[in-house]
């Protein structure tokens, strides 16, 4: 009889994790905060009903990546909880990432139901809007932006341009803002200007798709700057505490007449240590 009880306990213990691990169905609601249970060395997946444009996580203790409509979350430390925001083309979703806990209690995935099909046209004479392209869709085929020049002092707010992609007269740029200061910094959608008649000590053609370091950017001569229109971008400021970073995407309308290399300057809200800019050569 004792042997039978031991066998039953072993079977129950082996099957226990399957009872706890969960795949949830998330109803889209920007007013709701969804709690996510995580576990070390395991991924939790958020599968949205449309492509993800950007994400923001409150702590580097969680590794967060996204591709198309999926967000992958993996804790890297114990006893750390934080929040996570996910933006799509039409909504923002709010999550509270719980500290890494037992595997049987973790959430494997959160799935959103598919969107309702678009309504039929109200009139045959109605002019349809141009087909929109989300930043997430476009950046799948983007080119990495390389860095040119020495990296300055890290004790500042720094912007690193990661990818760029031209499509239908627009330029999509993905960038990361890192707060290396000892004070909080609030981000925002940058102003963008194109330098007029840019001149540099070497050919700018050879620096296509390079970000110039602040020191090298100062060496670019020009005849002034022309504002560039922001094509897409939601104005939302994100607070970055010391040591935090955030990835964002901005889309701009490229100048119609472009003869020769184009030099763009992204101007962000000033940081605790002074101006925050990034210079890109196209």
Protein backbone atom coordinates (compact mmCIF):
# COMPACT_ATOMS: atom_id res chain seq x y z
CA UNK A 1 0.00 0.00 0.00
CA UNK A 2 2.84 2.39 0.86
CA UNK A 3 4.44 1.70 -2.53
CA UNK A 4 1.20 2.67 -4.31
CA UNK A 5 1.03 6.01 -2.45
CA UNK A 6 4.65 6.82 -3.39
CA UNK A 7 3.93 6.12 -7.07
CA UNK A 8 0.84 8.39 -6.93
CA UNK A 9 2.85 11.23 -5.37
CA UNK A 10 5.58 10.94 -8.02
CA UNK A 11 3.03 11.03 -10.85
CA UNK A 12 1.32 14.05 -9.31
CA UNK A 13 4.62 15.89 -8.91
CA UNK A 14 5.61 15.25 -12.52
CA UNK A 15 2.28 16.43 -13.85
CA UNK A 16 2.02 19.51 -11.58
CA UNK A 17 3.85 21.98 -13.91
CA UNK A 18 1.40 21.34 -16.72
CA UNK A 19 -1.47 22.35 -14.44
CA UNK A 20 0.07 25.72 -13.62
CA UNK A 21 1.61 26.97 -16.87
CA UNK A 22 -0.91 29.16 -18.67
CA UNK A 23 -1.76 30.51 -22.10
CA UNK A 24 -4.16 33.43 -21.63
CA UNK A 25 -6.54 35.18 -24.00
CA UNK A 26 -6.13 38.96 -23.58
CA UNK A 27 -9.02 41.23 -24.48
CA UNK A 28 -7.53 44.49 -25.88
CA UNK A 29 -8.22 47.29 -23.38
CA UNK A 30 -5.83 50.24 -22.92
CA UNK A 31 -7.36 50.93 -19.50
CA UNK A 32 -6.38 47.50 -18.16
CA UNK A 33 -3.06 46.54 -16.53
CA UNK A 34 -2.24 42.91 -17.26
CA UNK A 35 -0.07 41.08 -14.73
CA UNK A 36 2.47 38.71 -16.29
CA UNK A 37 4.08 35.89 -14.31
CA UNK A 38 7.62 35.10 -15.54
CA UNK A 39 10.32 32.51 -14.84
CA UNK A 40 14.10 32.54 -15.29
CA UNK A 41 15.44 30.95 -18.49
CA UNK A 42 11.93 30.94 -19.98
CA UNK A 43 10.20 33.14 -22.55
CA UNK A 44 6.76 34.65 -22.24
CA UNK A 45 5.18 35.70 -25.55
CA UNK A 46 2.65 38.47 -26.13
CA UNK A 47 0.94 37.93 -29.49
CA UNK A 48 -0.89 41.08 -30.52
CA UNK A 49 -3.62 41.36 -33.14
CA UNK A 50 -1.60 43.85 -35.23
CA UNK A 51 2.10 44.72 -35.71
CA UNK A 52 3.98 46.22 -32.79
CA UNK A 53 5.51 49.65 -33.42
CA UNK A 54 7.54 50.04 -30.21
CA UNK A 55 7.87 48.85 -26.63
CA UNK A 56 9.18 50.37 -23.39
CA UNK A 57 10.26 48.40 -20.33
CA UNK A 58 11.01 49.94 -16.96
CA UNK A 59 14.02 47.82 -15.96
CA UNK A 60 17.02 46.28 -17.75
CA UNK A 61 16.45 43.17 -15.60
CA UNK A 62 13.99 42.06 -18.29
CA UNK A 63 15.11 41.34 -21.86
CA UNK A 64 12.31 42.47 -24.20
CA UNK A 65 12.39 42.08 -27.98
CA UNK A 66 9.70 42.27 -30.65
CA UNK A 67 9.15 41.25 -34.26
CA UNK A 68 6.03 41.83 -36.30
CA UNK A 69 3.11 41.25 -33.88
CA UNK A 70 5.00 39.29 -31.22
CA UNK A 71 6.76 40.54 -28.06
CA UNK A 72 9.22 38.24 -26.29
CA UNK A 73 9.90 38.71 -22.57
CA UNK A 74 12.65 37.03 -20.55
CA UNK A 75 13.69 37.94 -16.99
CA UNK A 76 17.43 37.96 -16.36
CA UNK A 77 17.41 38.59 -12.61
CA UNK A 78 15.47 37.42 -9.60
CA UNK A 79 13.39 39.59 -7.24
CA UNK A 80 12.85 42.36 -9.82
CA UNK A 81 9.41 43.48 -11.03
CA UNK A 82 8.69 46.30 -13.47
CA UNK A 83 6.17 47.59 -15.99
CA UNK A 84 5.98 47.22 -19.77
CA UNK A 85 4.18 49.26 -22.43
CA UNK A 86 3.46 47.97 -25.94
CA UNK A 87 2.27 50.27 -28.74
CA UNK A 88 0.62 49.12 -31.95
CA UNK A 89 -0.73 51.26 -34.76
CA UNK A 90 -4.05 51.76 -32.98
CA UNK A 91 -3.56 51.15 -29.26
CA UNK A 92 -1.31 51.03 -26.19
CA UNK A 93 -1.23 48.04 -23.83
CA UNK A 94 -0.07 48.05 -20.22
CA UNK A 95 1.64 45.19 -18.40
CA UNK A 96 3.09 44.60 -14.95
CA UNK A 97 5.97 42.11 -15.17
CA UNK A 98 6.11 40.17 -11.92
CA UNK A 99 9.43 39.07 -10.45
CA UNK A 100 10.65 35.74 -11.84
CA UNK A 101 8.98 32.92 -9.95
CA UNK A 102 8.36 29.16 -10.15
CA UNK A 103 8.00 27.69 -13.63
CA UNK A 104 4.62 26.06 -12.89
CA UNK A 105 3.10 29.48 -12.16
CA UNK A 106 4.46 31.36 -15.17
CA UNK A 107 2.43 32.68 -18.11
CA UNK A 108 3.58 31.06 -21.34
CA UNK A 109 1.69 33.38 -23.67
CA UNK A 110 -1.00 36.05 -23.95
CA UNK A 111 -2.97 35.96 -27.20
CA UNK A 112 -5.23 38.73 -28.44
CA UNK A 113 -8.32 37.90 -30.50
CA UNK A 114 -8.14 38.90 -34.19
CA UNK A 115 -9.39 42.31 -35.22
CA UNK A 116 -12.84 42.64 -36.74
CA UNK A 117 -12.75 42.78 -40.56
CA UNK A 118 -12.86 46.33 -41.96
CA UNK A 119 -16.30 47.76 -42.70
CA UNK A 120 -17.48 47.90 -46.30
CA UNK A 121 -17.07 51.14 -48.22
CA UNK A 122 -19.88 53.61 -47.61
CA UNK A 123 -19.75 54.91 -51.17
CA UNK A 124 -18.24 53.80 -54.45
CA UNK A 125 -17.17 57.41 -55.05
CA UNK A 126 -15.28 57.63 -51.77
CA UNK A 127 -11.54 58.17 -52.18
CA UNK A 128 -9.56 55.64 -50.20
CA UNK A 129 -6.62 56.81 -48.13
CA UNK A 130 -3.20 55.57 -49.25
CA UNK A 131 -2.25 52.21 -47.83
CA UNK A 132 -0.45 52.89 -44.55
CA UNK A 133 2.78 51.14 -43.66
CA UNK A 134 3.52 50.66 -39.98
CA UNK A 135 7.08 51.22 -38.73
CA UNK A 136 7.25 47.59 -37.57
CA UNK A 137 6.42 46.30 -41.07
CA UNK A 138 8.89 48.56 -42.81
CA UNK A 139 11.81 48.01 -40.47
CA UNK A 140 11.82 44.27 -41.13
CA UNK A 141 13.74 45.07 -44.32
CA UNK A 142 15.71 47.99 -42.94
CA UNK A 143 19.44 48.72 -43.13
CA UNK A 144 21.51 48.98 -39.94
CA UNK A 145 22.91 52.44 -39.21
CA UNK A 146 26.64 52.31 -38.53
CA UNK A 147 28.50 54.61 -36.15
CA UNK A 148 31.27 56.98 -37.28
CA UNK A 149 33.56 58.69 -34.81
CA UNK A 150 34.64 58.07 -31.24
CA UNK A 151 32.04 57.42 -28.55
CA UNK A 152 31.83 60.40 -26.22
CA UNK A 153 31.54 60.42 -22.44
CA UNK A 154 28.76 58.00 -21.46
CA UNK A 155 27.62 60.18 -18.56
CA UNK A 156 25.03 61.91 -20.71
CA UNK A 157 21.78 61.31 -22.55
CA UNK A 158 22.79 59.56 -25.79
CA UNK A 159 20.79 58.68 -28.90
CA UNK A 160 21.93 55.76 -31.04
CA UNK A 161 20.33 55.32 -34.48
CA UNK A 162 19.82 51.60 -35.13
CA UNK A 163 18.01 51.08 -38.47
CA UNK A 164 16.65 53.11 -41.37
CA UNK A 165 14.40 52.32 -44.29
CA UNK A 166 13.06 54.44 -47.17
CA UNK A 167 9.56 53.73 -48.45
CA UNK A 168 7.22 55.79 -50.61
CA UNK A 169 8.95 59.11 -49.86
CA UNK A 170 9.25 58.40 -46.15
CA UNK A 171 12.20 57.48 -44.00
CA UNK A 172 11.65 55.26 -40.96
CA UNK A 173 14.31 55.47 -38.27
CA UNK A 174 14.57 53.23 -35.21
CA UNK A 175 16.68 54.64 -32.39
CA UNK A 176 17.57 54.04 -28.75
CA UNK A 177 17.74 56.74 -26.07
CA UNK A 178 20.04 55.93 -23.15
CA UNK A 179 20.16 57.97 -19.95
CA UNK A 180 23.71 57.85 -18.64
CA UNK A 181 23.26 60.82 -16.28
CA UNK A 182 22.39 60.79 -12.60
CA UNK A 183 19.06 62.55 -13.13
CA UNK A 184 15.78 61.55 -14.79
CA UNK A 185 15.18 62.45 -18.43
CA UNK A 186 11.88 62.66 -20.34
CA UNK A 187 11.96 61.73 -24.02
CA UNK A 188 9.69 62.96 -26.81
CA UNK A 189 9.29 62.88 -30.58
CA UNK A 190 12.34 64.67 -32.01
CA UNK A 191 12.39 67.66 -34.33
CA UNK A 192 14.19 66.83 -37.56
CA UNK A 193 16.08 69.24 -39.83
CA UNK A 194 18.03 68.76 -43.05
CA UNK A 195 21.34 70.61 -43.28
CA UNK A 196 21.59 72.86 -46.34
CA UNK A 197 24.61 72.28 -48.62
CA UNK A 198 26.44 70.04 -46.13
CA UNK A 199 30.23 69.90 -46.47
CA UNK A 200 32.66 67.64 -44.65
CA UNK A 201 36.40 66.98 -44.66
CA UNK A 202 35.80 63.76 -46.61
CA UNK A 203 33.17 62.63 -49.11
CA UNK A 204 29.75 62.27 -47.54
CA UNK A 205 28.90 59.67 -50.20
CA UNK A 206 31.17 57.22 -48.40
CA UNK A 207 29.30 57.82 -45.13
CA UNK A 208 25.84 56.89 -46.41
CA UNK A 209 23.73 55.40 -43.59
CA UNK A 210 26.24 56.39 -40.93
CA UNK A 211 25.48 58.23 -37.68
CA UNK A 212 28.14 60.84 -36.97
CA UNK A 213 29.42 61.15 -33.43
CA UNK A 214 28.74 64.54 -31.77
CA UNK A 215 32.34 65.61 -32.38
CA UNK A 216 32.23 64.67 -36.08
CA UNK A 217 28.78 66.23 -36.50
CA UNK A 218 30.21 69.58 -35.36
CA UNK A 219 32.69 69.44 -38.25
CA UNK A 220 29.96 69.34 -40.90
CA UNK A 221 29.73 72.78 -42.51
CA UNK A 222 26.36 73.93 -43.84
CA UNK A 223 24.32 76.93 -44.98
CA UNK A 224 21.62 76.52 -42.36
CA UNK A 225 18.90 73.94 -41.77
CA UNK A 226 15.42 73.25 -43.14
CA UNK A 227 12.71 71.64 -40.97
CA UNK A 228 11.60 68.17 -42.09
CA UNK A 229 7.99 67.10 -41.59
CA UNK A 230 7.27 64.23 -39.24
CA UNK A 231 5.18 61.69 -41.17
CA UNK A 232 4.14 59.46 -38.29
CA UNK A 233 4.79 59.49 -34.59
CA UNK A 234 2.79 59.77 -31.42
CA UNK A 235 3.96 62.45 -29.00
CA UNK A 236 4.41 60.58 -25.79
CA UNK A 237 7.09 61.42 -23.28
CA UNK A 238 8.72 58.52 -21.44
CA UNK A 239 10.57 59.07 -18.17
CA UNK A 240 14.00 57.47 -18.12
CA UNK A 241 15.64 57.11 -14.73
CA UNK A 242 19.45 56.97 -14.57
CA UNK A 243 20.70 53.89 -16.40
CA UNK A 244 17.47 53.23 -18.30
CA UNK A 245 16.95 53.18 -22.07
CA UNK A 246 14.06 53.05 -24.53
CA UNK A 247 13.69 52.20 -28.22
CA UNK A 248 11.45 54.32 -30.47
CA UNK A 249 10.58 54.71 -34.15
CA UNK A 250 10.04 57.97 -36.03
CA UNK A 251 9.01 58.40 -39.68
CA UNK A 252 9.76 61.56 -41.63
CA UNK A 253 8.89 62.83 -45.10
CA UNK A 254 12.04 63.09 -47.16
CA UNK A 255 12.73 66.30 -49.09
CA UNK A 256 11.39 66.00 -52.64
CA UNK A 257 14.48 67.49 -54.27
CA UNK A 258 17.64 65.68 -53.17
CA UNK A 259 20.85 66.27 -55.07
CA UNK A 260 23.80 64.65 -53.39
CA UNK A 261 24.08 63.35 -49.83
CA UNK A 262 21.44 64.38 -47.27
CA UNK A 263 22.41 65.09 -43.67
CA UNK A 264 19.59 64.92 -41.13
CA UNK A 265 19.77 66.10 -37.56
CA UNK A 266 17.34 64.76 -34.95
CA UNK A 267 16.87 67.21 -32.07
CA UNK A 268 15.47 65.85 -28.81
CA UNK A 269 14.46 67.62 -25.58
CA UNK A 270 17.57 68.86 -23.80
CA UNK A 271 19.00 66.59 -21.13
CA UNK A 272 20.58 67.32 -17.73
CA UNK A 273 23.98 67.69 -19.42
CA UNK A 274 22.86 69.79 -22.40
CA UNK A 275 21.54 69.33 -25.96
CA UNK A 276 20.58 65.84 -27.17
CA UNK A 277 20.96 65.32 -30.95
CA UNK A 278 21.74 62.63 -33.50
CA UNK A 279 23.12 63.22 -37.02
CA UNK A 280 22.44 60.82 -39.89
CA UNK A 281 23.99 60.82 -43.38
CA UNK A 282 21.85 59.44 -46.22
